[in-house]
Amino acid sequence: MTIADELARLQALRDAGSLTEIEFEEAKRKALHEQPKPAMSGFGGASVPGQILGVNEETYCTLMHLSQLLVVSGLGIVAPIVMWVISKDESDLARRHGNRMMNWLISSLIYAFVAGLLCFVLVGIPLVILILILDFVFPIMAAVKANNGELWSYPGAIRFFEED
């Protein structure tokens, strides 16, 4: 029996008065959760609701924000992008956090480039220092918020991706 058949059977029972609204919702929830999970695209594992690659969504989003701190090793740009690309189609929460993170990442690169150019006239030196500080403070703040289940938009980030 397919999931559509089961849902139609439950609907018919509810319409006939054999199931209360509460019983119908409970049976529907069980029917939806007991179906085989689709394979994750490209990773061969089973997709589990509330998890990304076997990690809780909030934890994954926290790690995604913190991955920007790998900038000292050169992975601070690559790791967050890879984590976002892998998870954005699997989890709406990861997509929303990732969009905010990517907006800051791109904005920060633009601000750093402009500040670097302004260093030739010495005005950019304090701006470069400010951007470096914000590149460490903002990901930590976003990670703490993500760990608490909150979405946080990076202040000053240009909106390249939708932040719904």
N, C-alpha and C. Protein backbone atom coordinates (compact mmCIF):
# COMPACT_ATOMS: atom_id res chain seq x y z
N MET A 1 0.85 -1.18 0.00
CA MET A 1 0.00 0.00 0.00
C MET A 1 0.89 1.24 0.00
N THR A 2 0.64 2.16 -0.91
CA THR A 2 1.43 3.39 -0.98
C THR A 2 0.96 4.36 0.09
N ILE A 3 1.74 5.40 0.30
CA ILE A 3 1.37 6.40 1.28
C ILE A 3 0.08 7.12 0.88
N ALA A 4 -0.10 7.34 -0.41
CA ALA A 4 -1.32 7.99 -0.90
C ALA A 4 -2.54 7.13 -0.61
N ASP A 5 -2.41 5.81 -0.80
CA ASP A 5 -3.51 4.90 -0.50
C ASP A 5 -3.86 4.92 0.98
N GLU A 6 -2.83 4.91 1.81
CA GLU A 6 -3.05 4.92 3.26
C GLU A 6 -3.72 6.22 3.70
N LEU A 7 -3.27 7.35 3.16
CA LEU A 7 -3.88 8.63 3.51
C LEU A 7 -5.33 8.70 3.04
N ALA A 8 -5.61 8.16 1.85
CA ALA A 8 -6.99 8.12 1.34
C ALA A 8 -7.85 7.25 2.23
N ARG A 9 -7.32 6.11 2.70
CA ARG A 9 -8.07 5.21 3.59
C ARG A 9 -8.37 5.91 4.91
N LEU A 10 -7.39 6.62 5.45
CA LEU A 10 -7.59 7.34 6.70
C LEU A 10 -8.62 8.46 6.54
N GLN A 11 -8.55 9.16 5.41
CA GLN A 11 -9.52 10.23 5.12
C GLN A 11 -10.94 9.66 5.05
N ALA A 12 -11.08 8.51 4.41
CA ALA A 12 -12.40 7.87 4.29
C ALA A 12 -12.93 7.47 5.67
N LEU A 13 -12.05 6.95 6.53
CA LEU A 13 -12.46 6.59 7.88
C LEU A 13 -12.88 7.82 8.68
N ARG A 14 -12.15 8.91 8.51
CA ARG A 14 -12.51 10.15 9.21
C ARG A 14 -13.84 10.68 8.70
N ASP A 15 -14.03 10.67 7.37
CA ASP A 15 -15.28 11.16 6.78
C ASP A 15 -16.48 10.31 7.22
N ALA A 16 -16.24 9.01 7.42
CA ALA A 16 -17.31 8.11 7.83
C ALA A 16 -17.60 8.21 9.34
N GLY A 17 -16.75 8.94 10.06
CA GLY A 17 -16.95 9.10 11.49
C GLY A 17 -16.30 8.02 12.33
N SER A 18 -15.54 7.15 11.69
CA SER A 18 -14.86 6.07 12.42
C SER A 18 -13.63 6.57 13.18
N LEU A 19 -13.07 7.68 12.72
CA LEU A 19 -11.90 8.28 13.38
C LEU A 19 -12.23 9.71 13.78
N THR A 20 -11.80 10.08 14.99
CA THR A 20 -11.92 11.49 15.39
C THR A 20 -10.80 12.26 14.69
N GLU A 21 -10.88 13.57 14.78
CA GLU A 21 -9.84 14.42 14.17
C GLU A 21 -8.47 14.12 14.79
N ILE A 22 -8.45 13.93 16.09
CA ILE A 22 -7.19 13.65 16.78
C ILE A 22 -6.64 12.29 16.35
N GLU A 23 -7.50 11.29 16.27
CA GLU A 23 -7.06 9.95 15.84
C GLU A 23 -6.56 9.99 14.40
N PHE A 24 -7.26 10.77 13.56
CA PHE A 24 -6.85 10.89 12.15
C PHE A 24 -5.45 11.51 12.06
N GLU A 25 -5.23 12.61 12.79
CA GLU A 25 -3.92 13.29 12.74
C GLU A 25 -2.81 12.38 13.25
N GLU A 26 -3.09 11.62 14.31
CA GLU A 26 -2.08 10.70 14.85
C GLU A 26 -1.76 9.58 13.85
N ALA A 27 -2.80 9.01 13.25
CA ALA A 27 -2.59 7.94 12.27
C ALA A 27 -1.86 8.47 11.03
N LYS A 28 -2.19 9.68 10.63
CA LYS A 28 -1.52 10.29 9.47
C LYS A 28 -0.04 10.52 9.78
N ARG A 29 0.22 11.02 10.99
CA ARG A 29 1.61 11.26 11.38
C ARG A 29 2.40 9.94 11.37
N LYS A 30 1.81 8.89 11.91
CA LYS A 30 2.48 7.59 11.92
C LYS A 30 2.70 7.08 10.50
N ALA A 31 1.70 7.23 9.65
CA ALA A 31 1.83 6.76 8.27
C ALA A 31 2.95 7.49 7.54
N LEU A 32 3.05 8.79 7.77
CA LEU A 32 4.08 9.58 7.09
C LEU A 32 5.48 9.25 7.62
N HIS A 33 5.59 9.02 8.91
CA HIS A 33 6.91 8.76 9.50
C HIS A 33 7.36 7.32 9.35
N GLU A 34 6.47 6.40 9.10
CA GLU A 34 6.86 5.00 8.96
C GLU A 34 7.20 4.62 7.54
N GLN A 35 7.09 5.57 6.60
CA GLN A 35 7.43 5.28 5.22
C GLN A 35 8.95 5.20 5.09
N PRO A 36 9.46 4.42 4.14
CA PRO A 36 10.91 4.37 3.93
C PRO A 36 11.44 5.74 3.58
N LYS A 37 12.57 6.08 4.15
CA LYS A 37 13.19 7.38 3.90
C LYS A 37 13.88 7.38 2.55
N PRO A 38 13.75 8.49 1.79
CA PRO A 38 14.46 8.55 0.51
C PRO A 38 15.96 8.69 0.73
N ALA A 39 16.73 8.14 -0.18
CA ALA A 39 18.18 8.24 -0.08
C ALA A 39 18.59 9.68 -0.32
N MET A 40 19.59 10.15 0.44
CA MET A 40 20.09 11.50 0.24
C MET A 40 20.84 11.56 -1.07
N SER A 41 20.62 12.62 -1.78
CA SER A 41 21.25 12.74 -3.09
C SER A 41 22.76 12.80 -2.95
N GLY A 42 23.43 11.84 -3.55
CA GLY A 42 24.88 11.87 -3.63
C GLY A 42 25.63 11.36 -2.42
N PHE A 43 24.94 10.98 -1.33
CA PHE A 43 25.65 10.56 -0.15
C PHE A 43 25.33 9.13 0.27
N GLY A 44 24.34 8.50 -0.34
CA GLY A 44 24.07 7.09 -0.10
C GLY A 44 23.44 6.76 1.23
N GLY A 45 23.27 7.74 2.14
CA GLY A 45 22.65 7.46 3.43
C GLY A 45 21.17 7.80 3.39
N ALA A 46 20.47 7.45 4.46
CA ALA A 46 19.05 7.75 4.54
C ALA A 46 18.87 9.14 5.14
N SER A 47 17.94 9.89 4.60
CA SER A 47 17.62 11.21 5.11
C SER A 47 16.70 11.06 6.31
N VAL A 48 17.09 11.62 7.44
CA VAL A 48 16.30 11.53 8.65
C VAL A 48 15.78 12.93 8.97
N PRO A 49 14.46 13.06 9.20
CA PRO A 49 13.92 14.38 9.52
C PRO A 49 14.61 14.98 10.74
N GLY A 50 14.95 16.26 10.65
CA GLY A 50 15.61 16.94 11.76
C GLY A 50 17.11 16.73 11.82
N GLN A 51 17.66 16.00 10.83
CA GLN A 51 19.10 15.76 10.82
C GLN A 51 19.68 16.03 9.44
N ILE A 52 20.93 16.43 9.43
CA ILE A 52 21.69 16.62 8.20
C ILE A 52 22.96 15.80 8.34
N LEU A 53 23.14 14.83 7.46
CA LEU A 53 24.30 13.95 7.51
C LEU A 53 24.48 13.32 8.88
N GLY A 54 23.36 12.96 9.52
CA GLY A 54 23.40 12.30 10.82
C GLY A 54 23.61 13.22 12.00
N VAL A 55 23.58 14.54 11.77
CA VAL A 55 23.78 15.52 12.84
C VAL A 55 22.50 16.33 12.98
N ASN A 56 22.14 16.66 14.21
CA ASN A 56 20.99 17.50 14.48
C ASN A 56 21.08 18.80 13.67
N GLU A 57 19.95 19.28 13.14
CA GLU A 57 19.96 20.48 12.28
C GLU A 57 20.56 21.70 12.98
N GLU A 58 20.18 21.94 14.24
CA GLU A 58 20.71 23.11 14.96
C GLU A 58 22.22 23.00 15.14
N THR A 59 22.68 21.80 15.45
CA THR A 59 24.12 21.59 15.62
C THR A 59 24.86 21.80 14.30
N TYR A 60 24.28 21.29 13.21
CA TYR A 60 24.90 21.45 11.90
C TYR A 60 24.98 22.94 11.54
N CYS A 61 23.90 23.68 11.78
CA CYS A 61 23.91 25.11 11.47
C CYS A 61 24.93 25.85 12.33
N THR A 62 25.05 25.45 13.60
CA THR A 62 26.06 26.04 14.48
C THR A 62 27.45 25.79 13.92
N LEU A 63 27.71 24.56 13.51
CA LEU A 63 29.03 24.23 12.94
C LEU A 63 29.26 24.96 11.63
N MET A 64 28.20 25.15 10.84
CA MET A 64 28.33 25.86 9.57
C MET A 64 28.79 27.30 9.82
N HIS A 65 28.18 27.96 10.82
CA HIS A 65 28.61 29.33 11.14
C HIS A 65 30.04 29.34 11.67
N LEU A 66 30.36 28.40 12.54
CA LEU A 66 31.71 28.35 13.12
C LEU A 66 32.79 27.98 12.11
N SER A 67 32.39 27.32 11.03
CA SER A 67 33.38 26.93 10.02
C SER A 67 34.04 28.14 9.37
N GLN A 68 33.41 29.30 9.49
CA GLN A 68 34.03 30.52 8.95
C GLN A 68 35.30 30.89 9.72
N LEU A 69 35.42 30.40 10.94
CA LEU A 69 36.60 30.71 11.75
C LEU A 69 37.83 29.96 11.27
N LEU A 70 37.65 29.05 10.34
CA LEU A 70 38.80 28.32 9.77
C LEU A 70 39.59 29.19 8.80
N VAL A 71 39.28 30.46 8.76
CA VAL A 71 39.94 31.37 7.82
C VAL A 71 41.46 31.38 8.03
N VAL A 72 41.91 31.13 9.25
CA VAL A 72 43.36 31.11 9.51
C VAL A 72 44.04 29.96 8.78
N SER A 73 43.28 28.90 8.47
CA SER A 73 43.87 27.78 7.74
C SER A 73 43.55 27.84 6.24
N GLY A 74 42.83 28.85 5.83
CA GLY A 74 42.47 28.97 4.42
C GLY A 74 41.16 28.28 4.08
N LEU A 75 40.59 27.54 5.03
CA LEU A 75 39.34 26.84 4.78
C LEU A 75 38.12 27.67 5.19
N GLY A 76 38.33 28.87 5.68
CA GLY A 76 37.23 29.71 6.16
C GLY A 76 36.27 30.14 5.09
N ILE A 77 36.66 30.02 3.84
CA ILE A 77 35.74 30.34 2.74
C ILE A 77 35.20 29.05 2.15
N VAL A 78 36.04 28.06 1.99
CA VAL A 78 35.65 26.81 1.34
C VAL A 78 34.69 25.99 2.21
N ALA A 79 35.02 25.79 3.48
CA ALA A 79 34.22 24.93 4.35
C ALA A 79 32.78 25.41 4.50
N PRO A 80 32.53 26.71 4.77
CA PRO A 80 31.14 27.12 4.90
C PRO A 80 30.35 26.97 3.60
N ILE A 81 31.00 27.24 2.48
CA ILE A 81 30.32 27.11 1.19
C ILE A 81 29.95 25.66 0.93
N VAL A 82 30.90 24.74 1.19
CA VAL A 82 30.63 23.31 0.97
C VAL A 82 29.51 22.84 1.89
N MET A 83 29.55 23.23 3.15
CA MET A 83 28.50 22.83 4.10
C MET A 83 27.14 23.35 3.66
N TRP A 84 27.10 24.58 3.17
CA TRP A 84 25.84 25.19 2.73
C TRP A 84 25.31 24.47 1.49
N VAL A 85 26.18 24.22 0.52
CA VAL A 85 25.76 23.56 -0.72
C VAL A 85 25.24 22.15 -0.44
N ILE A 86 25.90 21.43 0.44
CA ILE A 86 25.49 20.06 0.77
C ILE A 86 24.12 20.04 1.44
N SER A 87 23.85 21.01 2.30
CA SER A 87 22.67 20.93 3.15
C SER A 87 21.47 21.76 2.71
N LYS A 88 21.66 22.72 1.83
CA LYS A 88 20.56 23.66 1.53
C LYS A 88 19.34 22.99 0.91
N ASP A 89 19.52 21.89 0.18
CA ASP A 89 18.38 21.20 -0.42
C ASP A 89 17.79 20.15 0.53
N GLU A 90 18.54 19.77 1.56
CA GLU A 90 18.09 18.75 2.51
C GLU A 90 17.31 19.34 3.67
N SER A 91 17.61 20.59 4.03
CA SER A 91 17.02 21.19 5.23
C SER A 91 16.71 22.66 4.98
N ASP A 92 15.48 23.04 5.25
CA ASP A 92 15.09 24.44 5.11
C ASP A 92 15.82 25.30 6.14
N LEU A 93 16.01 24.76 7.34
CA LEU A 93 16.72 25.50 8.38
C LEU A 93 18.16 25.77 7.96
N ALA A 94 18.83 24.78 7.42
CA ALA A 94 20.21 24.96 6.96
C ALA A 94 20.27 25.95 5.80
N ARG A 95 19.28 25.90 4.92
CA ARG A 95 19.23 26.86 3.80
C ARG A 95 19.10 28.28 4.34
N ARG A 96 18.22 28.47 5.31
CA ARG A 96 18.00 29.82 5.85
C ARG A 96 19.24 30.34 6.57
N HIS A 97 19.87 29.49 7.40
CA HIS A 97 21.11 29.90 8.07
C HIS A 97 22.22 30.13 7.04
N GLY A 98 22.30 29.22 6.08
CA GLY A 98 23.34 29.34 5.05
C GLY A 98 23.20 30.58 4.21
N ASN A 99 21.98 30.95 3.86
CA ASN A 99 21.77 32.19 3.09
C ASN A 99 22.28 33.39 3.86
N ARG A 100 21.99 33.46 5.15
CA ARG A 100 22.46 34.57 5.97
C ARG A 100 23.99 34.56 6.05
N MET A 101 24.55 33.37 6.24
CA MET A 101 25.99 33.23 6.34
C MET A 101 26.67 33.65 5.03
N MET A 102 26.11 33.20 3.91
CA MET A 102 26.69 33.53 2.61
C MET A 102 26.59 35.02 2.33
N ASN A 103 25.50 35.65 2.73
CA ASN A 103 25.37 37.11 2.57
C ASN A 103 26.52 37.81 3.30
N TRP A 104 26.82 37.37 4.53
CA TRP A 104 27.92 37.99 5.27
C TRP A 104 29.26 37.66 4.63
N LEU A 105 29.45 36.43 4.23
CA LEU A 105 30.73 36.01 3.66
C LEU A 105 31.07 36.83 2.41
N ILE A 106 30.12 36.97 1.52
CA ILE A 106 30.34 37.75 0.29
C ILE A 106 30.52 39.23 0.63
N SER A 107 29.68 39.75 1.52
CA SER A 107 29.79 41.16 1.91
C SER A 107 31.14 41.43 2.55
N SER A 108 31.58 40.53 3.41
CA SER A 108 32.87 40.69 4.09
C SER A 108 34.03 40.72 3.09
N LEU A 109 33.96 39.87 2.08
CA LEU A 109 35.01 39.87 1.05
C LEU A 109 35.02 41.20 0.28
N ILE A 110 33.84 41.71 -0.02
CA ILE A 110 33.76 43.00 -0.72
C ILE A 110 34.31 44.11 0.17
N TYR A 111 33.88 44.12 1.46
CA TYR A 111 34.37 45.15 2.38
C TYR A 111 35.89 45.06 2.55
N ALA A 112 36.43 43.85 2.62
CA ALA A 112 37.87 43.68 2.79
C ALA A 112 38.63 44.17 1.55
N PHE A 113 38.08 43.91 0.38
CA PHE A 113 38.72 44.38 -0.85
C PHE A 113 38.77 45.90 -0.90
N VAL A 114 37.63 46.54 -0.59
CA VAL A 114 37.58 48.01 -0.61
C VAL A 114 38.51 48.58 0.45
N ALA A 115 38.49 48.00 1.66
CA ALA A 115 39.38 48.48 2.73
C ALA A 115 40.84 48.28 2.34
N GLY A 116 41.13 47.17 1.66
CA GLY A 116 42.50 46.93 1.19
C GLY A 116 42.95 48.00 0.21
N LEU A 117 42.05 48.38 -0.69
CA LEU A 117 42.39 49.47 -1.62
C LEU A 117 42.60 50.79 -0.89
N LEU A 118 41.81 51.02 0.14
CA LEU A 118 41.94 52.27 0.90
C LEU A 118 43.19 52.31 1.77
N CYS A 119 43.84 51.17 1.95
CA CYS A 119 45.09 51.14 2.72
C CYS A 119 46.18 51.96 2.04
N PHE A 120 46.07 52.14 0.74
CA PHE A 120 47.07 52.95 0.02
C PHE A 120 47.03 54.40 0.47
N VAL A 121 45.90 54.84 0.99
CA VAL A 121 45.81 56.21 1.51
C VAL A 121 45.68 56.19 3.04
N LEU A 122 46.02 55.07 3.65
CA LEU A 122 46.06 54.85 5.11
C LEU A 122 44.69 54.87 5.79
N VAL A 123 43.65 55.20 5.08
CA VAL A 123 42.31 55.21 5.67
C VAL A 123 41.82 53.78 5.89
N GLY A 124 42.26 52.86 5.06
CA GLY A 124 41.76 51.50 5.10
C GLY A 124 42.29 50.65 6.23
N ILE A 125 43.40 51.06 6.86
CA ILE A 125 44.01 50.23 7.90
C ILE A 125 43.04 49.97 9.06
N PRO A 126 42.40 51.00 9.63
CA PRO A 126 41.43 50.70 10.69
C PRO A 126 40.22 49.90 10.18
N LEU A 127 39.86 50.09 8.93
CA LEU A 127 38.74 49.34 8.36
C LEU A 127 39.08 47.86 8.23
N VAL A 128 40.31 47.56 7.81
CA VAL A 128 40.74 46.16 7.71
C VAL A 128 40.72 45.51 9.09
N ILE A 129 41.18 46.23 10.10
CA ILE A 129 41.19 45.70 11.47
C ILE A 129 39.75 45.44 11.94
N LEU A 130 38.85 46.39 11.66
CA LEU A 130 37.44 46.23 12.03
C LEU A 130 36.82 45.02 11.34
N ILE A 131 37.09 44.84 10.06
CA ILE A 131 36.53 43.70 9.31
C ILE A 131 37.07 42.39 9.88
N LEU A 132 38.36 42.34 10.21
CA LEU A 132 38.94 41.13 10.81
C LEU A 132 38.27 40.79 12.14
N ILE A 133 38.01 41.79 12.95
CA ILE A 133 37.34 41.56 14.23
C ILE A 133 35.92 41.04 13.99
N LEU A 134 35.19 41.68 13.08
CA LEU A 134 33.82 41.27 12.79
C LEU A 134 33.77 39.87 12.18
N ASP A 135 34.80 39.51 11.41
CA ASP A 135 34.85 38.17 10.82
C ASP A 135 35.02 37.07 11.87
N PHE A 136 35.44 37.43 13.07
CA PHE A 136 35.52 36.46 14.16
C PHE A 136 34.31 36.57 15.10
N VAL A 137 33.86 37.79 15.35
CA VAL A 137 32.76 37.99 16.31
C VAL A 137 31.42 37.55 15.73
N PHE A 138 31.11 37.96 14.49
CA PHE A 138 29.80 37.65 13.91
C PHE A 138 29.53 36.15 13.77
N PRO A 139 30.47 35.34 13.27
CA PRO A 139 30.19 33.90 13.20
C PRO A 139 29.94 33.27 14.57
N ILE A 140 30.64 33.74 15.59
CA ILE A 140 30.42 33.21 16.94
C ILE A 140 29.03 33.59 17.43
N MET A 141 28.63 34.84 17.21
CA MET A 141 27.28 35.27 17.61
C MET A 141 26.21 34.47 16.87
N ALA A 142 26.41 34.28 15.56
CA ALA A 142 25.45 33.52 14.76
C ALA A 142 25.38 32.07 15.22
N ALA A 143 26.53 31.49 15.58
CA ALA A 143 26.56 30.10 16.04
C ALA A 143 25.82 29.94 17.36
N VAL A 144 26.00 30.89 18.27
CA VAL A 144 25.29 30.83 19.55
C VAL A 144 23.78 30.92 19.31
N LYS A 145 23.38 31.83 18.44
CA LYS A 145 21.95 31.97 18.11
C LYS A 145 21.42 30.68 17.46
N ALA A 146 22.18 30.12 16.53
CA ALA A 146 21.75 28.90 15.84
C ALA A 146 21.62 27.75 16.83
N ASN A 147 22.53 27.67 17.78
CA ASN A 147 22.47 26.62 18.78
C ASN A 147 21.24 26.77 19.67
N ASN A 148 20.75 28.00 19.83
CA ASN A 148 19.54 28.26 20.61
C ASN A 148 18.28 28.18 19.75
N GLY A 149 18.44 27.80 18.48
CA GLY A 149 17.29 27.66 17.60
C GLY A 149 16.80 28.96 16.99
N GLU A 150 17.63 30.00 17.00
CA GLU A 150 17.25 31.30 16.46
C GLU A 150 17.97 31.56 15.15
N LEU A 151 17.30 32.30 14.28
CA LEU A 151 17.93 32.78 13.04
C LEU A 151 18.45 34.19 13.31
N TRP A 152 19.65 34.47 12.87
CA TRP A 152 20.24 35.78 13.10
C TRP A 152 20.83 36.28 11.80
N SER A 153 20.46 37.49 11.43
CA SER A 153 21.03 38.11 10.24
C SER A 153 22.27 38.90 10.63
N TYR A 154 23.33 38.71 9.89
CA TYR A 154 24.57 39.43 10.16
C TYR A 154 24.36 40.92 9.87
N PRO A 155 24.64 41.79 10.84
CA PRO A 155 24.49 43.23 10.59
C PRO A 155 25.45 43.69 9.50
N GLY A 156 24.97 44.56 8.63
CA GLY A 156 25.81 45.11 7.57
C GLY A 156 25.97 44.23 6.36
N ALA A 157 25.36 43.05 6.37
CA ALA A 157 25.49 42.14 5.23
C ALA A 157 24.58 42.59 4.09
N ILE A 158 25.12 42.58 2.90
CA ILE A 158 24.34 42.88 1.70
C ILE A 158 23.51 41.65 1.38
N ARG A 159 22.26 41.84 1.01
CA ARG A 159 21.34 40.71 0.78
C ARG A 159 21.49 40.17 -0.64
N PHE A 160 22.41 39.23 -0.83
CA PHE A 160 22.57 38.56 -2.12
C PHE A 160 21.58 37.39 -2.24
N PHE A 161 21.33 36.74 -1.10
CA PHE A 161 20.41 35.61 -1.04
C PHE A 161 19.23 36.01 -0.14
N GLU A 162 18.06 35.46 -0.47
CA GLU A 162 16.84 35.78 0.26
C GLU A 162 16.96 35.32 1.71
N GLU A 163 16.56 36.19 2.63
CA GLU A 163 16.55 35.86 4.06
C GLU A 163 15.11 35.83 4.54
N ASP A 164 14.44 34.72 4.28
CA ASP A 164 13.02 34.60 4.68
C ASP A 164 12.89 34.12 6.10
